[in-house]
Amino acid sequence: MNNYAYQAVNAAGLQIEGTLEVSSQSEALRRIKEMGLFPTKLAERRRKQSSATGARVGTRARFGSLALSLPLFRGRVKPAAVVAFTRQLATLIEAGMPLLRGLRVLQQQERNRTLNRVIGEVSERIEAGSTLSEALAVHPHLFNALYINMVKAGEIGGALEITLKRLAEFLEKAQKIKGKVKAAMFYPAAVMFVAAAILAVMMLFVVPRFKQVFDGLLEGTAMPAFTMLVLRASDLVRHNALWVAVALAVAVVSTLMFARTKAGRWMFDQFKLTMPVLGPVFRKASISRFARTLGTLLGSGVPILQALDIVRQTAGNVVVGNVISTLHDSVKEGEAISGTLRGSKVFPPMVVGMVDIGEQAGALPDMLMKIADNCDEEVDNAVCAMTSLLEPIMIVFLALVVGSIVIALFLPLIIIIDRGVGPAGGAGEN
């Protein structure tokens, strides 16, 4: 059994403090709610430690936080590692293990140095009297606003293990849909890269060799216009390769810098939603993210306005984020969610209708999760169909690029053969 110190507010608004001897933090929260109190802070009583130890802990926490806040010293933690940590912590708490002890166990088995250090710092802060949400909030690069607020809602509701399970499932599905979108973009990007590499090699090395051969064989005979176009393009690239590379680099950097501005980010995100072929995939992925995030937050007990604010921060698309901001203001004024979504032109009528039914039936979180599952399935089908469609398109595109250059190089050979200009024709005349 462990001792937990708590602060709570009763029905009259008075603050009450006390201690409980229970087996876990979840049990302590349940006991507090059974007494008709609203818990505001709950912490396991820390063991006595010397001032030197306390100073060492505080220093390490401060310097650890500083090191993690600097990008150069921050190690990479894969999202899958955060998902595994979340699910394992939920399992340990559900099994009755105290929160602090569970964190220590996970720290001992964690091999990622950065995550290991973060878990250690979270444990130290909890031991010093902080709640889990407060300790996790110190590391926003690993635990975003969605994560922190869901954990906070789980602590207040006394169902931390259930909330952590929901959070792990949410993170897993978010990574899955993100991977599908990346897979949809990988194939065309790879083909374009290969086409650019082949085109560069032919223009820099292959075409100049053919030009030397043509100059010796044609003996002043005019070459076809298409061949001259390819030869001049090759000369332009070969003689100005440095300037071409600089121009491409400047174009890429300028595009990236413009995309970081407010107007550029809006234009880029709007293009992602409306572009051909890939646009429907991005749109459905954004709707799925919105529905799953909002449904998970509402199902975990987060208030609607706070949940909408978190969804806006984690939307991943400025256009969708603007819609959510408008939705937040509308809900604050007492309007229905479905009405605002209907006028946004981002959400399709089926999604708006399902949200409307969920609001009327009082089952909005469940309906939002159904919307997210449906969008995930549609994204999966769209990616498969798009990949099947893009394969022949990209193959034809690559064939046209390479084939055009090959045809341009063989046209003079046809003229040479037809006119008898060359070694074969000369031998026939002798």
Protein backbone atom coordinates (compact mmCIF):
# COMPACT_ATOMS: atom_id res chain seq x y z
CA MET A 1 0.00 0.00 0.00
CA ASN A 2 1.15 3.54 -0.74
CA ASN A 3 0.32 6.91 0.75
CA TYR A 4 -1.14 9.54 -1.61
CA ALA A 5 -1.51 13.20 -0.71
CA TYR A 6 -4.42 14.88 -2.46
CA GLN A 7 -5.99 18.27 -2.90
CA ALA A 8 -9.66 18.44 -3.87
CA VAL A 9 -12.65 20.75 -4.01
CA ASN A 10 -16.02 19.89 -2.47
CA ALA A 11 -19.49 20.82 -3.70
CA ALA A 12 -19.34 24.16 -1.85
CA GLY A 13 -16.09 25.11 -3.61
CA LEU A 14 -13.89 24.69 -0.53
CA GLN A 15 -10.42 23.21 -0.93
CA ILE A 16 -9.74 20.06 1.07
CA GLU A 17 -6.43 18.30 1.61
CA GLY A 18 -5.72 14.85 2.94
CA THR A 19 -3.94 11.53 2.48
CA LEU A 20 -5.08 8.09 1.42
CA GLU A 21 -3.41 4.71 1.83
CA VAL A 22 -4.32 2.76 -1.29
CA SER A 23 -2.65 0.40 -3.76
CA SER A 24 -2.55 2.68 -6.82
CA GLN A 25 -3.19 6.19 -8.06
CA SER A 26 -6.34 5.08 -9.88
CA GLU A 27 -7.75 3.66 -6.64
CA ALA A 28 -6.97 6.92 -4.87
CA LEU A 29 -8.87 8.89 -7.50
CA ARG A 30 -11.85 6.55 -7.19
CA ARG A 31 -11.88 6.96 -3.41
CA ILE A 32 -11.76 10.75 -3.72
CA LYS A 33 -14.69 10.77 -6.16
CA GLU A 34 -16.66 8.46 -3.87
CA MET A 35 -16.31 11.08 -1.13
CA GLY A 36 -18.03 13.61 -3.42
CA LEU A 37 -14.86 15.60 -4.04
CA PHE A 38 -13.33 16.91 -7.26
CA PRO A 39 -9.58 16.14 -7.25
CA THR A 40 -7.24 18.93 -8.37
CA LYS A 41 -3.91 17.37 -7.40
CA LEU A 42 -2.80 13.89 -6.42
CA ALA A 43 0.74 12.74 -5.72
CA GLU A 44 2.40 9.81 -4.02
CA ARG A 45 4.23 10.89 -0.89
CA ARG A 46 7.91 10.99 -1.74
CA ARG A 47 10.56 9.37 0.38
CA LYS A 48 12.80 11.53 2.48
CA GLN A 49 16.02 12.42 0.78
CA SER A 50 19.02 14.46 1.73
CA SER A 51 19.46 18.02 0.54
CA ALA A 52 22.41 16.96 -1.59
CA THR A 53 20.28 14.36 -3.32
CA GLY A 54 17.48 16.85 -3.83
CA ALA A 55 19.89 19.37 -5.32
CA ARG A 56 21.30 16.70 -7.63
CA VAL A 57 17.81 15.73 -8.79
CA GLY A 58 16.83 19.34 -9.39
CA THR A 59 20.04 20.08 -11.26
CA ARG A 60 19.73 17.01 -13.42
CA ALA A 61 16.11 17.85 -14.19
CA ARG A 62 17.03 21.38 -15.17
CA PHE A 63 20.02 20.42 -17.27
CA GLY A 64 18.10 17.47 -18.75
CA SER A 65 15.33 19.82 -19.77
CA LEU A 66 17.87 22.22 -21.28
CA ALA A 67 19.58 19.46 -23.23
CA LEU A 68 16.29 18.19 -24.60
CA SER A 69 15.19 21.67 -25.61
CA LEU A 70 18.19 22.12 -27.88
CA PRO A 71 17.73 20.40 -31.26
CA LEU A 72 21.44 19.62 -31.59
CA PHE A 73 21.41 17.59 -28.38
CA ARG A 74 18.00 16.02 -28.82
CA GLY A 75 17.99 12.36 -29.77
CA ARG A 76 15.36 10.98 -32.06
CA VAL A 77 12.49 8.99 -30.61
CA LYS A 78 10.35 7.14 -33.13
CA PRO A 79 6.57 7.43 -32.75
CA ALA A 80 6.40 3.65 -32.41
CA ALA A 81 8.52 3.89 -29.24
CA VAL A 82 6.10 6.43 -27.72
CA VAL A 83 3.17 4.16 -28.62
CA ALA A 84 4.87 1.17 -26.97
CA PHE A 85 5.63 3.22 -23.85
CA THR A 86 2.01 4.39 -23.63
CA ARG A 87 0.54 0.92 -24.04
CA GLN A 88 2.97 -0.69 -21.57
CA LEU A 89 2.30 1.99 -18.95
CA ALA A 90 -1.45 1.42 -19.33
CA THR A 91 -0.94 -2.33 -18.85
CA LEU A 92 1.14 -1.87 -15.71
CA ILE A 93 -1.34 0.56 -14.13
CA GLU A 94 -4.25 -1.73 -15.02
CA ALA A 95 -2.41 -4.59 -13.31
CA GLY A 96 -2.37 -2.58 -10.07
CA MET A 97 1.22 -1.35 -10.17
CA PRO A 98 1.72 2.18 -8.77
CA LEU A 99 2.44 4.82 -11.39
CA LEU A 100 5.91 5.71 -10.15
CA ARG A 101 7.00 2.09 -9.92
CA GLY A 102 5.62 1.42 -13.40
CA LEU A 103 7.65 4.28 -14.82
CA ARG A 104 10.80 2.96 -13.14
CA VAL A 105 10.20 -0.48 -14.66
CA LEU A 106 9.72 1.00 -18.13
CA GLN A 107 12.86 3.10 -17.70
CA GLN A 108 14.93 0.02 -16.91
CA GLN A 109 13.86 -1.78 -20.09
CA GLU A 110 13.87 1.22 -22.46
CA ARG A 111 16.85 1.09 -24.85
CA ASN A 112 16.35 4.43 -26.56
CA ARG A 113 18.61 6.81 -24.63
CA THR A 114 16.48 9.89 -25.13
CA LEU A 115 13.22 8.21 -24.12
CA ASN A 116 14.99 6.52 -21.21
CA ARG A 117 16.19 9.89 -19.98
CA VAL A 118 12.74 11.45 -20.43
CA ILE A 119 11.05 8.64 -18.47
CA GLY A 120 13.60 9.14 -15.70
CA GLU A 121 12.90 12.87 -15.55
CA VAL A 122 9.14 12.26 -15.55
CA SER A 123 9.59 9.83 -12.66
CA GLU A 124 11.63 12.37 -10.69
CA ARG A 125 9.03 15.09 -11.19
CA ILE A 126 6.21 12.77 -10.08
CA GLU A 127 8.27 11.78 -7.05
CA ALA A 128 8.68 15.49 -6.29
CA GLY A 129 4.89 15.98 -6.25
CA SER A 130 3.88 16.67 -9.88
CA THR A 131 1.09 14.86 -11.66
CA LEU A 132 1.81 12.71 -14.71
CA SER A 133 0.35 15.29 -17.10
CA GLU A 134 2.46 18.05 -15.54
CA ALA A 135 5.60 15.93 -15.81
CA LEU A 136 4.93 14.99 -19.43
CA ALA A 137 4.21 18.60 -20.39
CA VAL A 138 7.89 19.44 -19.80
CA HIS A 139 8.72 17.41 -22.93
CA PRO A 140 6.46 18.81 -25.69
CA HIS A 141 8.72 17.41 -28.43
CA LEU A 142 7.58 13.90 -27.42
CA PHE A 143 4.16 14.50 -25.87
CA ASN A 144 1.98 17.03 -27.70
CA ALA A 145 -1.06 18.92 -26.43
CA LEU A 146 -3.36 16.05 -27.36
CA TYR A 147 -1.33 13.58 -25.32
CA ILE A 148 -1.07 15.88 -22.29
CA ASN A 149 -4.76 16.79 -22.19
CA MET A 150 -5.92 13.20 -22.56
CA VAL A 151 -3.65 12.12 -19.70
CA LYS A 152 -4.96 15.03 -17.62
CA ALA A 153 -8.55 14.00 -18.34
CA GLY A 154 -7.72 10.43 -17.35
CA GLU A 155 -6.21 11.60 -14.06
CA ILE A 156 -9.24 13.72 -13.20
CA GLY A 157 -11.70 11.00 -14.21
CA GLY A 158 -9.84 8.28 -12.31
CA ALA A 159 -9.42 6.13 -15.43
CA LEU A 160 -5.83 6.76 -16.39
CA GLU A 161 -5.21 3.23 -17.66
CA ILE A 162 -8.26 3.37 -19.97
CA THR A 163 -7.22 6.76 -21.30
CA LEU A 164 -3.68 5.56 -21.98
CA LYS A 165 -5.06 2.58 -23.90
CA ARG A 166 -7.23 4.87 -26.02
CA LEU A 167 -4.25 7.13 -26.57
CA ALA A 168 -2.07 4.23 -27.70
CA GLU A 169 -4.75 3.06 -30.14
CA PHE A 170 -5.12 6.59 -31.47
CA LEU A 171 -1.37 6.98 -32.01
CA GLU A 172 -1.13 3.60 -33.73
CA LYS A 173 -3.96 4.39 -36.16
CA ALA A 174 -2.58 7.88 -36.80
CA GLN A 175 0.80 6.40 -37.72
CA LYS A 176 -0.88 3.83 -39.93
CA ILE A 177 -2.81 6.40 -41.95
CA LYS A 178 0.29 8.61 -42.16
CA GLY A 179 2.25 5.67 -43.54
CA LYS A 180 -0.40 5.03 -46.19
CA VAL A 181 -0.25 8.63 -47.38
CA LYS A 182 3.55 8.48 -47.53
CA ALA A 183 3.35 5.24 -49.48
CA ALA A 184 1.00 6.90 -51.95
CA MET A 185 3.54 9.68 -52.55
CA PHE A 186 6.64 7.49 -52.60
CA TYR A 187 6.08 5.75 -55.94
CA PRO A 188 5.61 8.85 -58.13
CA ALA A 189 8.44 10.63 -56.30
CA ALA A 190 10.77 7.68 -56.89
CA VAL A 191 9.88 7.48 -60.59
CA MET A 192 10.39 11.24 -61.03
CA PHE A 193 13.78 10.98 -59.36
CA VAL A 194 14.83 8.10 -61.62
CA ALA A 195 13.59 9.98 -64.69
CA ALA A 196 15.54 13.09 -63.69
CA ALA A 197 18.70 11.05 -63.08
CA ILE A 198 18.44 9.28 -66.46
CA LEU A 199 17.75 12.57 -68.23
CA ALA A 200 20.78 14.21 -66.59
CA VAL A 201 23.11 11.34 -67.53
CA MET A 202 21.93 11.34 -71.14
CA MET A 203 22.18 15.11 -71.50
CA LEU A 204 25.63 15.36 -69.90
CA PHE A 205 27.37 12.27 -71.30
CA VAL A 206 25.41 10.39 -73.99
CA VAL A 207 24.11 13.20 -76.24
CA PRO A 208 27.52 14.99 -76.55
CA ARG A 209 29.10 11.74 -77.82
CA PHE A 210 26.42 11.39 -80.51
CA LYS A 211 26.95 15.02 -81.52
CA GLN A 212 30.61 14.32 -82.23
CA VAL A 213 29.63 11.32 -84.35
CA PHE A 214 27.04 13.32 -86.29
CA ASP A 215 29.48 16.14 -87.01
CA GLY A 216 31.86 13.63 -88.62
CA LEU A 217 29.22 11.74 -90.62
CA LEU A 218 26.79 14.37 -91.85
CA GLU A 219 29.49 16.63 -93.36
CA GLY A 220 27.40 19.79 -93.28
CA THR A 221 24.02 18.17 -93.92
CA ALA A 222 21.29 19.78 -91.77
CA MET A 223 20.05 17.69 -88.89
CA PRO A 224 16.34 17.31 -88.01
CA ALA A 225 14.84 20.10 -85.92
CA PHE A 226 13.99 17.76 -83.06
CA THR A 227 17.57 16.52 -82.92
CA MET A 228 18.89 20.10 -82.91
CA LEU A 229 16.55 20.92 -80.04
CA VAL A 230 17.91 18.03 -77.95
CA LEU A 231 21.54 18.90 -78.84
CA ARG A 232 21.07 22.55 -77.88
CA ALA A 233 19.40 21.55 -74.62
CA SER A 234 22.37 19.26 -73.91
CA ASP A 235 24.85 22.08 -74.62
CA LEU A 236 22.87 24.43 -72.38
CA VAL A 237 22.87 21.97 -69.48
CA ARG A 238 26.51 20.90 -69.98
CA HIS A 239 27.98 24.39 -70.32
CA ASN A 240 25.85 25.85 -67.54
CA ALA A 241 25.61 22.86 -65.18
CA LEU A 242 26.72 24.92 -62.18
CA TRP A 243 24.18 27.65 -62.85
CA VAL A 244 21.44 25.10 -63.45
CA ALA A 245 22.25 23.43 -60.11
CA VAL A 246 22.28 26.80 -58.34
CA ALA A 247 18.96 27.76 -59.95
CA LEU A 248 17.38 24.48 -58.87
CA ALA A 249 18.73 24.88 -55.33
CA VAL A 250 17.46 28.46 -55.13
CA ALA A 251 14.05 27.37 -56.42
CA VAL A 252 13.79 24.57 -53.86
CA VAL A 253 14.94 26.76 -50.94
CA SER A 254 12.62 29.61 -51.99
CA THR A 255 9.69 27.22 -52.23
CA LEU A 256 10.42 25.78 -48.79
CA MET A 257 10.79 29.24 -47.26
CA PHE A 258 7.55 30.41 -48.87
CA ALA A 259 5.78 27.29 -47.59
CA ARG A 260 6.79 28.32 -44.04
CA THR A 261 4.98 31.64 -44.32
CA LYS A 262 1.34 31.96 -43.38
CA ALA A 263 0.14 32.58 -46.94
CA GLY A 264 2.44 29.93 -48.40
CA ARG A 265 1.36 27.29 -45.91
CA TRP A 266 -2.30 28.02 -46.65
CA MET A 267 -1.74 27.80 -50.42
CA PHE A 268 0.25 24.58 -50.08
CA ASP A 269 -2.33 22.94 -47.82
CA GLN A 270 -5.17 24.09 -50.07
CA PHE A 271 -3.38 22.60 -53.08
CA LYS A 272 -2.94 19.31 -51.21
CA LEU A 273 -6.70 19.08 -50.68
CA THR A 274 -7.64 19.97 -54.27
CA MET A 275 -4.81 18.49 -56.36
CA PRO A 276 -5.74 15.73 -58.83
CA VAL A 277 -5.24 12.07 -57.90
CA LEU A 278 -3.61 12.71 -54.50
CA GLY A 279 -6.09 15.40 -53.36
CA PRO A 280 -8.86 13.00 -52.27
CA VAL A 281 -6.34 10.97 -50.28
CA PHE A 282 -5.09 14.03 -48.38
CA ARG A 283 -8.66 15.22 -47.79
CA LYS A 284 -9.85 11.89 -46.37
CA ALA A 285 -6.72 11.61 -44.24
CA SER A 286 -7.34 15.09 -42.79
CA ILE A 287 -11.00 14.27 -42.07
CA SER A 288 -9.97 11.00 -40.43
CA ARG A 289 -7.45 12.81 -38.24
CA PHE A 290 -10.02 15.43 -37.22
CA ALA A 291 -12.71 12.85 -36.41
CA ARG A 292 -10.43 10.45 -34.55
CA THR A 293 -8.75 13.18 -32.50
CA LEU A 294 -12.02 14.87 -31.53
CA GLY A 295 -13.76 11.56 -30.85
CA THR A 296 -10.90 10.32 -28.68
CA LEU A 297 -10.78 13.55 -26.66
CA LEU A 298 -14.55 13.71 -26.13
CA GLY A 299 -14.64 10.02 -25.22
CA SER A 300 -11.93 10.64 -22.62
CA GLY A 301 -13.93 13.39 -20.95
CA VAL A 302 -12.21 16.49 -22.34
CA PRO A 303 -14.64 19.45 -22.62
CA ILE A 304 -15.79 20.21 -26.18
CA LEU A 305 -14.21 23.68 -26.45
CA GLN A 306 -10.89 22.50 -25.07
CA ALA A 307 -11.02 19.46 -27.34
CA LEU A 308 -11.64 21.62 -30.42
CA ASP A 309 -8.70 23.84 -29.50
CA ILE A 310 -6.45 20.77 -29.25
CA VAL A 311 -7.77 19.39 -32.55
CA ARG A 312 -6.96 22.72 -34.23
CA GLN A 313 -3.39 22.59 -32.94
CA THR A 314 -2.88 19.02 -34.16
CA ALA A 315 -4.84 19.27 -37.44
CA GLY A 316 -1.73 19.20 -39.62
CA ASN A 317 -3.44 21.32 -42.30
CA VAL A 318 -3.99 25.08 -42.12
CA VAL A 319 -7.22 24.95 -44.15
CA VAL A 320 -8.74 22.33 -41.87
CA GLY A 321 -7.37 24.23 -38.85
CA ASN A 322 -9.22 27.38 -39.96
CA VAL A 323 -12.44 25.40 -40.23
CA ILE A 324 -11.92 24.05 -36.71
CA SER A 325 -11.28 27.60 -35.41
CA THR A 326 -14.60 28.70 -36.90
CA LEU A 327 -16.21 25.59 -35.42
CA HIS A 328 -14.81 26.47 -31.99
CA ASP A 329 -16.35 29.96 -32.13
CA SER A 330 -19.68 28.57 -33.36
CA VAL A 331 -19.90 25.96 -30.61
CA LYS A 332 -18.97 28.62 -28.06
CA GLU A 333 -22.02 30.59 -29.21
CA GLY A 334 -24.24 27.52 -28.85
CA GLU A 335 -24.48 26.40 -32.48
CA ALA A 336 -24.33 22.79 -33.66
CA ILE A 337 -21.14 21.27 -35.03
CA SER A 338 -22.82 19.90 -38.15
CA GLY A 339 -23.99 23.33 -39.29
CA THR A 340 -20.50 24.79 -39.36
CA LEU A 341 -19.05 21.71 -41.06
CA ARG A 342 -21.75 21.87 -43.74
CA GLY A 343 -20.69 25.39 -44.76
CA SER A 344 -16.94 24.68 -44.74
CA LYS A 345 -16.79 22.95 -48.18
CA VAL A 346 -14.05 20.72 -46.74
CA PHE A 347 -16.18 17.99 -45.18
CA PRO A 348 -18.38 15.91 -47.52
CA PRO A 349 -22.16 15.68 -46.94
CA MET A 350 -21.94 12.10 -45.64
CA VAL A 351 -19.57 13.15 -42.84
CA VAL A 352 -21.76 16.15 -41.97
CA GLY A 353 -24.83 13.92 -41.86
CA MET A 354 -23.17 11.39 -39.56
CA VAL A 355 -22.03 14.19 -37.22
CA ASP A 356 -25.58 15.57 -37.19
CA ILE A 357 -26.99 12.15 -36.25
CA GLY A 358 -24.35 11.76 -33.52
CA GLU A 359 -25.27 15.12 -32.01
CA GLN A 360 -28.99 14.37 -32.02
CA ALA A 361 -28.50 10.90 -30.54
CA GLY A 362 -26.01 12.09 -27.91
CA ALA A 363 -23.36 9.69 -29.22
CA LEU A 364 -21.01 12.10 -30.98
CA PRO A 365 -17.73 10.45 -29.84
CA ASP A 366 -18.79 7.03 -31.14
CA MET A 367 -20.03 8.52 -34.42
CA LEU A 368 -16.75 10.41 -34.89
CA MET A 369 -14.78 7.19 -34.41
CA LYS A 370 -16.99 5.49 -37.03
CA ILE A 371 -16.28 8.37 -39.42
CA ALA A 372 -12.55 7.99 -38.80
CA ASP A 373 -12.64 4.22 -39.41
CA ASN A 374 -14.62 4.74 -42.61
CA CYS A 375 -12.18 7.41 -43.87
CA ASP A 376 -9.22 5.17 -43.03
CA GLU A 377 -10.73 2.38 -45.11
CA GLU A 378 -11.38 4.78 -47.99
CA VAL A 379 -7.79 6.04 -47.82
CA ASP A 380 -6.53 2.46 -47.91
CA ASN A 381 -8.67 1.67 -50.98
CA ALA A 382 -7.72 4.96 -52.66
CA VAL A 383 -4.01 4.31 -52.13
CA CYS A 384 -4.28 0.82 -53.62
CA ALA A 385 -6.28 2.07 -56.62
CA MET A 386 -3.99 5.04 -57.12
CA THR A 387 -0.86 2.89 -56.99
CA SER A 388 -2.34 0.55 -59.60
CA LEU A 389 -3.20 3.56 -61.78
CA LEU A 390 0.11 5.36 -61.33
CA GLU A 391 2.28 2.37 -62.23
CA PRO A 392 1.40 2.32 -65.96
CA ILE A 393 1.24 6.15 -66.09
CA MET A 394 4.73 6.52 -64.66
CA ILE A 395 6.11 3.76 -66.87
CA VAL A 396 4.68 5.52 -69.95
CA PHE A 397 6.06 8.86 -68.71
CA LEU A 398 9.53 7.39 -68.21
CA ALA A 399 9.37 5.74 -71.63
CA LEU A 400 8.40 9.04 -73.28
CA VAL A 401 11.25 10.92 -71.63
CA VAL A 402 13.92 8.39 -72.56
CA GLY A 403 12.31 7.41 -75.87
CA SER A 404 12.12 11.01 -77.08
CA ILE A 405 15.86 11.48 -76.62
CA VAL A 406 16.60 8.13 -78.26
CA ILE A 407 14.41 9.02 -81.27
CA ALA A 408 16.09 12.42 -81.55
CA LEU A 409 19.49 10.70 -81.66
CA PHE A 410 18.46 8.11 -84.26
CA LEU A 411 16.82 10.56 -86.72
CA PRO A 412 20.20 11.67 -88.16
CA LEU A 413 21.21 8.03 -88.60
CA ILE A 414 18.12 7.49 -90.75
CA ILE A 415 19.13 10.48 -92.91
CA ILE A 416 22.65 9.11 -93.20
CA ILE A 417 21.36 5.73 -94.35
CA ASP A 418 18.82 7.22 -96.78
CA ARG A 419 21.25 9.63 -98.43
CA GLY A 420 24.15 7.20 -98.48
CA VAL A 421 26.30 9.56 -96.51
CA GLY A 422 28.74 7.59 -94.41
CA PRO A 423 31.18 4.75 -94.51
CA ALA A 424 28.62 2.27 -95.90
CA GLY A 425 27.59 4.60 -98.74
CA GLY A 426 31.17 5.46 -99.56
CA ALA A 427 32.14 1.81 -99.79
CA GLY A 428 29.24 1.17 -102.20
CA GLU A 429 30.40 3.96 -104.57
CA ASN A 430 33.97 2.60 -104.71
